[in-house]
C-alpha atoms as a PDB file:
ATOM      1  CA  UNK A   1     -58.488 312.416  71.011  1.00  0.00           C
ATOM      2  CA  UNK A   2     -59.538 312.151  74.645  1.00  0.00           C
ATOM      3  CA  UNK A   3     -60.010 308.368  74.466  1.00  0.00           C
ATOM      4  CA  UNK A   4     -56.733 307.726  72.762  1.00  0.00           C
ATOM      5  CA  UNK A   5     -54.633 310.126  74.774  1.00  0.00           C
ATOM      6  CA  UNK A   6     -56.293 309.086  77.955  1.00  0.00           C
ATOM      7  CA  UNK A   7     -55.721 305.401  77.160  1.00  0.00           C
ATOM      8  CA  UNK A   8     -51.989 306.131  76.607  1.00  0.00           C
ATOM      9  CA  UNK A   9     -51.766 307.810  79.971  1.00  0.00           C
ATOM     10  CA  UNK A  10     -53.493 304.963  81.767  1.00  0.00           C
ATOM     11  CA  UNK A  11     -51.056 302.540  80.105  1.00  0.00           C
ATOM     12  CA  UNK A  12     -48.195 304.619  81.366  1.00  0.00           C
ATOM     13  CA  UNK A  13     -49.634 304.592  84.891  1.00  0.00           C
ATOM     14  CA  UNK A  14     -50.075 300.802  84.719  1.00  0.00           C
ATOM     15  CA  UNK A  15     -46.401 300.457  83.820  1.00  0.00           C
ATOM     16  CA  UNK A  16     -45.422 302.446  86.944  1.00  0.00           C
ATOM     17  CA  UNK A  17     -48.124 300.926  89.247  1.00  0.00           C
ATOM     18  CA  UNK A  18     -49.954 304.283  89.858  1.00  0.00           C
ATOM     19  CA  UNK A  19     -53.010 303.414  87.966  1.00  0.00           C
ATOM     20  CA  UNK A  20     -55.819 303.492  90.589  1.00  0.00           C
ATOM     21  CA  UNK A  21     -56.872 307.118  90.068  1.00  0.00           C
ATOM     22  CA  UNK A  22     -56.139 306.961  86.335  1.00  0.00           C
ATOM     23  CA  UNK A  23     -58.539 304.086  85.874  1.00  0.00           C
ATOM     24  CA  UNK A  24     -61.417 305.910  87.579  1.00  0.00           C
ATOM     25  CA  UNK A  25     -60.595 309.077  85.602  1.00  0.00           C
ATOM     26  CA  UNK A  26     -60.477 307.181  82.302  1.00  0.00           C
ATOM     27  CA  UNK A  27     -63.857 305.545  83.071  1.00  0.00           C
ATOM     28  CA  UNK A  28     -65.270 309.059  83.386  1.00  0.00           C
ATOM     29  CA  UNK A  29     -63.699 309.990  80.047  1.00  0.00           C
ATOM     30  CA  UNK A  30     -65.327 306.897  78.380  1.00  0.00           C
ATOM     31  CA  UNK A  31     -68.734 307.675  79.870  1.00  0.00           C
ATOM     32  CA  UNK A  32     -68.444 311.382  78.777  1.00  0.00           C
ATOM     33  CA  UNK A  33     -67.393 310.344  75.297  1.00  0.00           C
ATOM     34  CA  UNK A  34     -70.363 308.009  74.920  1.00  0.00           C
ATOM     35  CA  UNK A  35     -72.538 310.909  76.019  1.00  0.00           C
ATOM     36  CA  UNK A  36     -70.926 313.146  73.311  1.00  0.00           C
ATOM     37  CA  UNK A  37     -71.513 310.369  70.725  1.00  0.00           C
ATOM     38  CA  UNK A  38     -75.206 310.187  71.688  1.00  0.00           C
ATOM     39  CA  UNK A  39     -75.461 314.012  71.248  1.00  0.00           C
ATOM     40  CA  UNK A  40     -73.879 313.694  67.848  1.00  0.00           C
ATOM     41  CA  UNK A  41     -76.362 311.013  66.853  1.00  0.00           C
ATOM     42  CA  UNK A  42     -79.308 313.162  68.046  1.00  0.00           C
ATOM     43  CA  UNK A  43     -78.312 316.027  65.720  1.00  0.00           C
ATOM     44  CA  UNK A  44     -80.718 316.259  62.767  1.00  0.00           C
ATOM     45  CA  UNK A  45     -80.440 319.834  61.558  1.00  0.00           C
ATOM     46  CA  UNK A  46     -83.096 319.590  58.824  1.00  0.00           C
ATOM     47  CA  UNK A  47     -85.899 318.150  60.994  1.00  0.00           C
ATOM     48  CA  UNK A  48     -85.430 319.633  64.426  1.00  0.00           C
ATOM     49  CA  UNK A  49     -87.329 322.568  65.832  1.00  0.00           C
ATOM     50  CA  UNK A  50     -85.452 325.759  66.660  1.00  0.00           C
ATOM     51  CA  UNK A  51     -86.124 325.524  70.423  1.00  0.00           C
ATOM     52  CA  UNK A  52     -85.056 321.894  70.456  1.00  0.00           C
ATOM     53  CA  UNK A  53     -81.888 322.787  68.430  1.00  0.00           C
ATOM     54  CA  UNK A  54     -81.038 325.366  71.105  1.00  0.00           C
ATOM     55  CA  UNK A  55     -81.572 322.842  73.837  1.00  0.00           C
ATOM     56  CA  UNK A  56     -79.371 320.379  72.027  1.00  0.00           C
ATOM     57  CA  UNK A  57     -76.639 322.909  71.644  1.00  0.00           C
ATOM     58  CA  UNK A  58     -76.728 323.771  75.385  1.00  0.00           C
ATOM     59  CA  UNK A  59     -76.151 320.140  76.087  1.00  0.00           C
ATOM     60  CA  UNK A  60     -73.226 320.199  73.664  1.00  0.00           C
ATOM     61  CA  UNK A  61     -71.689 323.193  75.447  1.00  0.00           C
ATOM     62  CA  UNK A  62     -72.018 321.290  78.797  1.00  0.00           C
ATOM     63  CA  UNK A  63     -70.334 318.199  77.227  1.00  0.00           C
ATOM     64  CA  UNK A  64     -67.376 320.387  76.076  1.00  0.00           C
ATOM     65  CA  UNK A  65     -66.915 321.866  79.514  1.00  0.00           C
ATOM     66  CA  UNK A  66     -67.033 318.380  81.150  1.00  0.00           C
ATOM     67  CA  UNK A  67     -64.674 316.683  78.697  1.00  0.00           C
ATOM     68  CA  UNK A  68     -62.031 319.397  79.004  1.00  0.00           C
ATOM     69  CA  UNK A  69     -62.720 319.766  82.723  1.00  0.00           C
ATOM     70  CA  UNK A  70     -61.829 316.096  83.094  1.00  0.00           C
ATOM     71  CA  UNK A  71     -58.280 316.894  81.759  1.00  0.00           C
ATOM     72  CA  UNK A  72     -57.947 319.554  84.340  1.00  0.00           C
ATOM     73  CA  UNK A  73     -58.950 316.935  86.967  1.00  0.00           C
ATOM     74  CA  UNK A  74     -56.234 314.655  85.633  1.00  0.00           C
ATOM     75  CA  UNK A  75     -53.735 317.435  86.158  1.00  0.00           C
ATOM     76  CA  UNK A  76     -54.865 318.019  89.666  1.00  0.00           C
ATOM     77  CA  UNK A  77     -54.588 314.268  90.431  1.00  0.00           C
ATOM     78  CA  UNK A  78     -51.087 313.925  89.148  1.00  0.00           C
ATOM     79  CA  UNK A  79     -49.314 317.297  89.197  1.00  0.00           C
ATOM     80  CA  UNK A  80     -47.319 316.366  92.358  1.00  0.00           C
ATOM     81  CA  UNK A  81     -46.336 312.883  91.149  1.00  0.00           C
ATOM     82  CA  UNK A  82     -42.631 313.323  90.619  1.00  0.00           C
ATOM     83  CA  UNK A  83     -41.982 309.701  90.097  1.00  0.00           C
ATOM     84  CA  UNK A  84     -40.858 309.025  86.482  1.00  0.00           C
ATOM     85  CA  UNK A  85     -41.612 312.673  85.678  1.00  0.00           C
ATOM     86  CA  UNK A  86     -45.404 312.019  85.539  1.00  0.00           C
ATOM     87  CA  UNK A  87     -46.022 315.649  86.581  1.00  0.00           C
ATOM     88  CA  UNK A  88     -44.259 316.869  83.402  1.00  0.00           C
ATOM     89  CA  UNK A  89     -46.399 314.659  81.260  1.00  0.00           C
ATOM     90  CA  UNK A  90     -49.660 316.007  82.681  1.00  0.00           C
ATOM     91  CA  UNK A  91     -48.305 319.524  82.182  1.00  0.00           C
ATOM     92  CA  UNK A  92     -47.634 318.714  78.564  1.00  0.00           C
ATOM     93  CA  UNK A  93     -51.100 317.121  78.164  1.00  0.00           C
ATOM     94  CA  UNK A  94     -52.717 320.184  79.696  1.00  0.00           C
ATOM     95  CA  UNK A  95     -50.974 322.515  77.321  1.00  0.00           C
ATOM     96  CA  UNK A  96     -51.902 320.265  74.400  1.00  0.00           C
ATOM     97  CA  UNK A  97     -55.550 320.159  75.464  1.00  0.00           C
ATOM     98  CA  UNK A  98     -55.517 323.994  75.512  1.00  0.00           C
ATOM     99  CA  UNK A  99     -54.182 324.187  71.987  1.00  0.00           C
ATOM    100  CA  UNK A 100     -56.803 321.700  70.805  1.00  0.00           C
ATOM    101  CA  UNK A 101     -59.524 323.677  72.563  1.00  0.00           C
ATOM    102  CA  UNK A 102     -58.358 326.918  70.890  1.00  0.00           C
ATOM    103  CA  UNK A 103     -58.195 325.202  67.491  1.00  0.00           C
ATOM    104  CA  UNK A 104     -61.603 323.566  67.463  1.00  0.00           C
ATOM    105  CA  UNK A 105     -63.849 325.742  69.642  1.00  0.00           C
ATOM    106  CA  UNK A 106     -63.027 329.199  68.312  1.00  0.00           C
ATOM    107  CA  UNK A 107     -66.406 329.385  66.518  1.00  0.00           C
ATOM    108  CA  UNK A 108     -68.154 330.013  69.800  1.00  0.00           C
ATOM    109  CA  UNK A 109     -66.831 332.393  72.555  1.00  0.00           C
ATOM    110  CA  UNK A 110     -68.997 330.676  75.145  1.00  0.00           C
ATOM    111  CA  UNK A 111     -66.960 327.546  74.514  1.00  0.00           C
ATOM    112  CA  UNK A 112     -63.382 328.541  73.957  1.00  0.00           C
ATOM    113  CA  UNK A 113     -62.983 331.260  76.525  1.00  0.00           C
ATOM    114  CA  UNK A 114     -64.190 329.321  79.655  1.00  0.00           C
ATOM    115  CA  UNK A 115     -62.512 326.130  78.407  1.00  0.00           C
ATOM    116  CA  UNK A 116     -59.098 327.825  77.978  1.00  0.00           C
ATOM    117  CA  UNK A 117     -59.459 329.395  81.477  1.00  0.00           C
ATOM    118  CA  UNK A 118     -60.347 325.939  82.894  1.00  0.00           C
ATOM    119  CA  UNK A 119     -57.273 324.438  81.313  1.00  0.00           C
ATOM    120  CA  UNK A 120     -54.635 327.169  81.741  1.00  0.00           C
ATOM    121  CA  UNK A 121     -55.293 328.748  85.095  1.00  0.00           C
ATOM    122  CA  UNK A 122     -54.410 325.558  87.022  1.00  0.00           C
ATOM    123  CA  UNK A 123     -51.014 325.687  85.315  1.00  0.00           C
ATOM    124  CA  UNK A 124     -50.521 329.220  86.372  1.00  0.00           C
ATOM    125  CA  UNK A 125     -51.390 328.412  89.945  1.00  0.00           C
ATOM    126  CA  UNK A 126     -49.159 325.389  89.893  1.00  0.00           C
ATOM    127  CA  UNK A 127     -46.107 327.381  88.669  1.00  0.00           C
ATOM    128  CA  UNK A 128     -46.736 330.141  91.109  1.00  0.00           C
ATOM    129  CA  UNK A 129     -46.980 327.627  93.949  1.00  0.00           C
ATOM    130  CA  UNK A 130     -43.487 326.301  93.262  1.00  0.00           C
ATOM    131  CA  UNK A 131     -42.054 329.269  95.142  1.00  0.00           C
ATOM    132  CA  UNK A 132     -38.958 329.405  92.856  1.00  0.00           C
ATOM    133  CA  UNK A 133     -37.857 332.039  90.356  1.00  0.00           C
ATOM    134  CA  UNK A 134     -38.238 329.627  87.420  1.00  0.00           C
ATOM    135  CA  UNK A 135     -41.780 328.925  88.624  1.00  0.00           C
ATOM    136  CA  UNK A 136     -42.695 332.622  88.487  1.00  0.00           C
ATOM    137  CA  UNK A 137     -41.084 332.775  85.050  1.00  0.00           C
ATOM    138  CA  UNK A 138     -43.089 329.771  83.872  1.00  0.00           C
ATOM    139  CA  UNK A 139     -46.326 331.208  85.309  1.00  0.00           C
ATOM    140  CA  UNK A 140     -45.692 334.544  83.402  1.00  0.00           C
ATOM    141  CA  UNK A 141     -45.070 332.577  80.137  1.00  0.00           C
ATOM    142  CA  UNK A 142     -48.156 330.515  80.733  1.00  0.00           C
ATOM    143  CA  UNK A 143     -50.197 333.606  81.161  1.00  0.00           C
ATOM    144  CA  UNK A 144     -48.800 335.103  77.963  1.00  0.00           C
ATOM    145  CA  UNK A 145     -49.501 331.780  76.165  1.00  0.00           C
ATOM    146  CA  UNK A 146     -53.119 331.919  77.447  1.00  0.00           C
ATOM    147  CA  UNK A 147     -53.424 335.422  76.211  1.00  0.00           C
ATOM    148  CA  UNK A 148     -52.084 334.388  72.804  1.00  0.00           C
ATOM    149  CA  UNK A 149     -54.532 331.585  72.577  1.00  0.00           C
ATOM    150  CA  UNK A 150     -57.416 333.848  73.535  1.00  0.00           C
ATOM    151  CA  UNK A 151     -56.312 336.516  71.062  1.00  0.00           C
ATOM    152  CA  UNK A 152     -55.914 334.072  68.066  1.00  0.00           C
ATOM    153  CA  UNK A 153     -59.194 332.307  68.826  1.00  0.00           C
ATOM    154  CA  UNK A 154     -60.930 335.615  69.230  1.00  0.00           C
ATOM    155  CA  UNK A 155     -59.702 336.840  65.846  1.00  0.00           C
ATOM    156  CA  UNK A 156     -60.721 333.605  64.201  1.00  0.00           C
ATOM    157  CA  UNK A 157     -64.117 333.856  65.866  1.00  0.00           C
ATOM    158  CA  UNK A 158     -64.628 337.366  64.627  1.00  0.00           C
ATOM    159  CA  UNK A 159     -63.560 336.455  61.111  1.00  0.00           C
ATOM    160  CA  UNK A 160     -65.877 333.439  60.909  1.00  0.00           C
ATOM    161  CA  UNK A 161     -68.751 335.489  62.384  1.00  0.00           C
ATOM    162  CA  UNK A 162     -68.257 338.230  59.689  1.00  0.00           C
ATOM    163  CA  UNK A 163     -68.194 335.534  56.957  1.00  0.00           C
ATOM    164  CA  UNK A 164     -71.251 333.863  58.363  1.00  0.00           C
ATOM    165  CA  UNK A 165     -73.120 337.118  58.681  1.00  0.00           C
ATOM    166  CA  UNK A 166     -72.286 338.241  55.182  1.00  0.00           C
ATOM    167  CA  UNK A 167     -73.379 334.793  53.764  1.00  0.00           C
ATOM    168  CA  UNK A 168     -76.711 335.031  55.482  1.00  0.00           C
ATOM    169  CA  UNK A 169     -77.664 338.803  55.348  1.00  0.00           C
ATOM    170  CA  UNK A 170     -78.531 341.253  52.756  1.00  0.00           C
ATOM    171  CA  UNK A 171     -75.812 343.934  52.500  1.00  0.00           C
ATOM    172  CA  UNK A 172     -78.140 346.885  52.105  1.00  0.00           C
ATOM    173  CA  UNK A 173     -80.848 346.235  54.711  1.00  0.00           C
ATOM    174  CA  UNK A 174     -79.143 343.858  57.106  1.00  0.00           C
ATOM    175  CA  UNK A 175     -82.104 341.444  56.858  1.00  0.00           C
ATOM    176  CA  UNK A 176     -81.671 337.781  56.195  1.00  0.00           C
ATOM    177  CA  UNK A 177     -81.117 337.147  52.482  1.00  0.00           C
ATOM    178  CA  UNK A 178     -82.681 334.691  50.035  1.00  0.00           C
ATOM    179  CA  UNK A 179     -80.229 331.951  50.781  1.00  0.00           C
ATOM    180  CA  UNK A 180     -80.873 331.961  54.493  1.00  0.00           C
ATOM    181  CA  UNK A 181     -84.624 332.230  54.002  1.00  0.00           C
ATOM    182  CA  UNK A 182     -84.659 329.111  51.802  1.00  0.00           C
ATOM    183  CA  UNK A 183     -82.603 327.136  54.307  1.00  0.00           C
ATOM    184  CA  UNK A 184     -84.753 328.295  57.156  1.00  0.00           C
ATOM    185  CA  UNK A 185     -87.929 327.358  55.295  1.00  0.00           C
ATOM    186  CA  UNK A 186     -86.625 323.902  54.443  1.00  0.00           C
ATOM    187  CA  UNK A 187     -85.647 323.308  58.044  1.00  0.00           C
ATOM    188  CA  UNK A 188     -89.120 324.577  59.242  1.00  0.00           C
ATOM    189  CA  UNK A 189     -90.967 322.348  56.762  1.00  0.00           C
ATOM    190  CA  UNK A 190     -88.969 319.216  57.762  1.00  0.00           C
ATOM    191  CA  UNK A 191     -89.748 319.937  61.480  1.00  0.00           C
ATOM    192  CA  UNK A 192     -93.388 320.549  60.805  1.00  0.00           C
ATOM    193  CA  UNK A 193     -93.670 317.144  59.049  1.00  0.00           C
ATOM    194  CA  UNK A 194     -92.823 315.584  62.400  1.00  0.00           C
ATOM    195  CA  UNK A 195     -94.551 317.845  64.924  1.00  0.00           C
ATOM    196  CA  UNK A 196     -97.685 318.796  62.852  1.00  0.00           C
ATOM    197  CA  UNK A 197     -97.363 322.519  63.631  1.00  0.00           C
ATOM    198  CA  UNK A 198     -98.154 325.473  61.457  1.00  0.00           C
ATOM    199  CA  UNK A 199     -96.785 328.916  60.478  1.00  0.00           C
ATOM    200  CA  UNK A 200     -97.773 331.552  58.006  1.00  0.00           C
ATOM    201  CA  UNK A 201     -95.562 333.308  55.360  1.00  0.00           C
ATOM    202  CA  UNK A 202     -96.252 336.737  53.983  1.00  0.00           C
ATOM    203  CA  UNK A 203     -94.804 338.302  50.852  1.00  0.00           C
ATOM    204  CA  UNK A 204     -94.374 342.118  50.822  1.00  0.00           C
ATOM    205  CA  UNK A 205     -93.788 343.806  47.471  1.00  0.00           C
ATOM    206  CA  UNK A 206     -93.294 347.586  47.202  1.00  0.00           C
ATOM    207  CA  UNK A 207     -95.602 349.114  44.500  1.00  0.00           C
ATOM    208  CA  UNK A 208     -93.944 351.203  41.741  1.00  0.00           C
ATOM    209  CA  UNK A 209     -90.491 350.592  43.170  1.00  0.00           C
ATOM    210  CA  UNK A 210     -88.979 350.206  39.716  1.00  0.00           C
ATOM    211  CA  UNK A 211     -90.445 353.549  38.666  1.00  0.00           C
ATOM    212  CA  UNK A 212     -88.928 355.207  41.648  1.00  0.00           C
ATOM    213  CA  UNK A 213     -85.525 353.609  40.965  1.00  0.00           C
ATOM    214  CA  UNK A 214     -85.568 354.686  37.287  1.00  0.00           C
ATOM    215  CA  UNK A 215     -86.903 358.243  37.833  1.00  0.00           C
ATOM    216  CA  UNK A 216     -85.207 359.256  41.106  1.00  0.00           C
ATOM    217  CA  UNK A 217     -82.148 357.099  41.134  1.00  0.00           C
ATOM    218  CA  UNK A 218     -80.892 354.113  42.997  1.00  0.00           C
ATOM    219  CA  UNK A 219     -79.892 356.144  46.027  1.00  0.00           C
ATOM    220  CA  UNK A 220     -83.465 357.085  46.608  1.00  0.00           C
ATOM    221  CA  UNK A 221     -84.566 353.511  45.933  1.00  0.00           C
ATOM    222  CA  UNK A 222     -82.079 352.255  48.521  1.00  0.00           C
ATOM    223  CA  UNK A 223     -83.316 354.802  51.051  1.00  0.00           C
ATOM    224  CA  UNK A 224     -86.853 353.613  50.395  1.00  0.00           C
ATOM    225  CA  UNK A 225     -85.830 350.024  50.966  1.00  0.00           C
ATOM    226  CA  UNK A 226     -84.074 350.886  54.223  1.00  0.00           C
ATOM    227  CA  UNK A 227     -87.093 352.810  55.477  1.00  0.00           C
ATOM    228  CA  UNK A 228     -89.382 349.960  54.623  1.00  0.00           C
ATOM    229  CA  UNK A 229     -87.060 347.585  56.446  1.00  0.00           C
ATOM    230  CA  UNK A 230     -87.018 349.726  59.541  1.00  0.00           C
ATOM    231  CA  UNK A 231     -90.829 349.956  59.633  1.00  0.00           C
ATOM    232  CA  UNK A 232     -91.186 346.170  59.289  1.00  0.00           C
ATOM    233  CA  UNK A 233     -88.568 345.492  61.926  1.00  0.00           C
ATOM    234  CA  UNK A 234     -90.081 347.927  64.351  1.00  0.00           C
ATOM    235  CA  UNK A 235     -93.380 346.115  64.098  1.00  0.00           C
ATOM    236  CA  UNK A 236     -92.438 342.437  64.108  1.00  0.00           C
ATOM    237  CA  UNK A 237     -88.718 341.836  64.467  1.00  0.00           C
ATOM    238  CA  UNK A 238     -89.071 340.057  67.824  1.00  0.00           C
ATOM    239  CA  UNK A 239     -91.828 337.717  66.777  1.00  0.00           C
ATOM    240  CA  UNK A 240     -91.170 336.959  63.072  1.00  0.00           C
ATOM    241  CA  UNK A 241     -88.317 336.138  60.760  1.00  0.00           C
ATOM    242  CA  UNK A 242     -87.824 338.869  58.145  1.00  0.00           C
ATOM    243  CA  UNK A 243     -85.877 338.382  54.898  1.00  0.00           C
ATOM    244  CA  UNK A 244     -85.253 340.356  51.760  1.00  0.00           C
ATOM    245  CA  UNK A 245     -85.336 337.858  48.924  1.00  0.00           C
ATOM    246  CA  UNK A 246     -84.521 340.313  46.156  1.00  0.00           C
ATOM    247  CA  UNK A 247     -85.251 343.780  44.810  1.00  0.00           C
ATOM    248  CA  UNK A 248     -88.254 345.123  46.590  1.00  0.00           C
ATOM    249  CA  UNK A 249     -89.534 341.768  47.890  1.00  0.00           C
ATOM    250  CA  UNK A 250     -89.616 340.893  51.636  1.00  0.00           C
ATOM    251  CA  UNK A 251     -90.675 337.641  53.232  1.00  0.00           C
ATOM    252  CA  UNK A 252     -92.062 337.429  56.796  1.00  0.00           C
ATOM    253  CA  UNK A 253     -92.333 334.089  58.566  1.00  0.00           C
ATOM    254  CA  UNK A 254     -94.376 333.735  61.806  1.00  0.00           C
ATOM    255  CA  UNK A 255     -93.659 331.750  64.842  1.00  0.00           C
ATOM    256  CA  UNK A 256     -95.245 328.218  65.330  1.00  0.00           C
ATOM    257  CA  UNK A 257     -98.953 327.531  65.920  1.00  0.00           C
ATOM    258  CA  UNK A 258    -100.408 324.300  67.233  1.00  0.00           C
ATOM    259  CA  UNK A 259    -103.746 324.924  65.361  1.00  0.00           C
ATOM    260  CA  UNK A 260    -104.198 325.526  61.681  1.00  0.00           C
ATOM    261  CA  UNK A 261    -107.315 327.693  62.174  1.00  0.00           C
ATOM    262  CA  UNK A 262    -105.556 329.910  64.732  1.00  0.00           C
ATOM    263  CA  UNK A 263    -102.681 330.273  62.270  1.00  0.00           C
ATOM    264  CA  UNK A 264    -105.097 331.503  59.558  1.00  0.00           C
ATOM    265  CA  UNK A 265    -106.778 333.996  61.884  1.00  0.00           C
ATOM    266  CA  UNK A 266    -103.479 335.350  63.156  1.00  0.00           C
ATOM    267  CA  UNK A 267    -102.126 335.743  59.623  1.00  0.00           C
ATOM    268  CA  UNK A 268    -105.078 337.761  58.495  1.00  0.00           C
ATOM    269  CA  UNK A 269    -104.878 339.961  61.612  1.00  0.00           C
ATOM    270  CA  UNK A 270    -101.123 340.527  61.302  1.00  0.00           C
ATOM    271  CA  UNK A 271    -101.306 341.370  57.552  1.00  0.00           C
ATOM    272  CA  UNK A 272    -104.095 343.875  58.113  1.00  0.00           C
ATOM    273  CA  UNK A 273    -102.260 345.545  61.029  1.00  0.00           C
ATOM    274  CA  UNK A 274     -99.008 345.593  59.082  1.00  0.00           C
ATOM    275  CA  UNK A 275    -100.670 347.111  56.072  1.00  0.00           C
ATOM    276  CA  UNK A 276    -102.163 349.830  58.117  1.00  0.00           C
END
């Protein structure tokens, strides 16, 4: 979108002989787009470590800020060019970029909120600076439109987060479910094939749980599962991944180790301490 729309604007500027700044700006768009393409090529979800995945996503966020920030720079460069109504075109482009940002970035609040502010606030300032009644009126409506975009994007973000959470978590305990555990394990194994690191996995099974469920009822059984969950979380939630894979079975996955022998020693120590 940025490359095509930007190219169209540059062609328009060439027609009216006001292309100097537009060419420099479009060169920045091309370079930034190539950077975004390289980030896309680097993404390999199944065989990338968690910390490297987080670093990659921070770069993606920076890319989004830069690419949309360049559109605000275009607005700043041409907002006062009245010849051939270029200022109206950049206003329209700025609004269009805001709609695109709200539509595609709603899954992450750290993306769509700053981006919409970067795109829309310059419009508000521009309309206020006109010093005319219609300018104040346009600034008010721009602010309302910004609020509408933030509201709809926020609702979409909340909905997708709820769906994502329900798909990955056990309804009773709030722990990760079997589906997430399997995906996490696959990703970890792919990464370990490349970096030769190690981790341990522990299975916890509650003795006589079926007897408790059958004799005392499912309410008591659920309470027991919640209590077991709380005890496990209080001990290792910050250092391990915890999942309920079904019934009374829990899985605990450690962080990464560089040495296999250290991993074995730590697993035995952790299992004994957790059992006590």
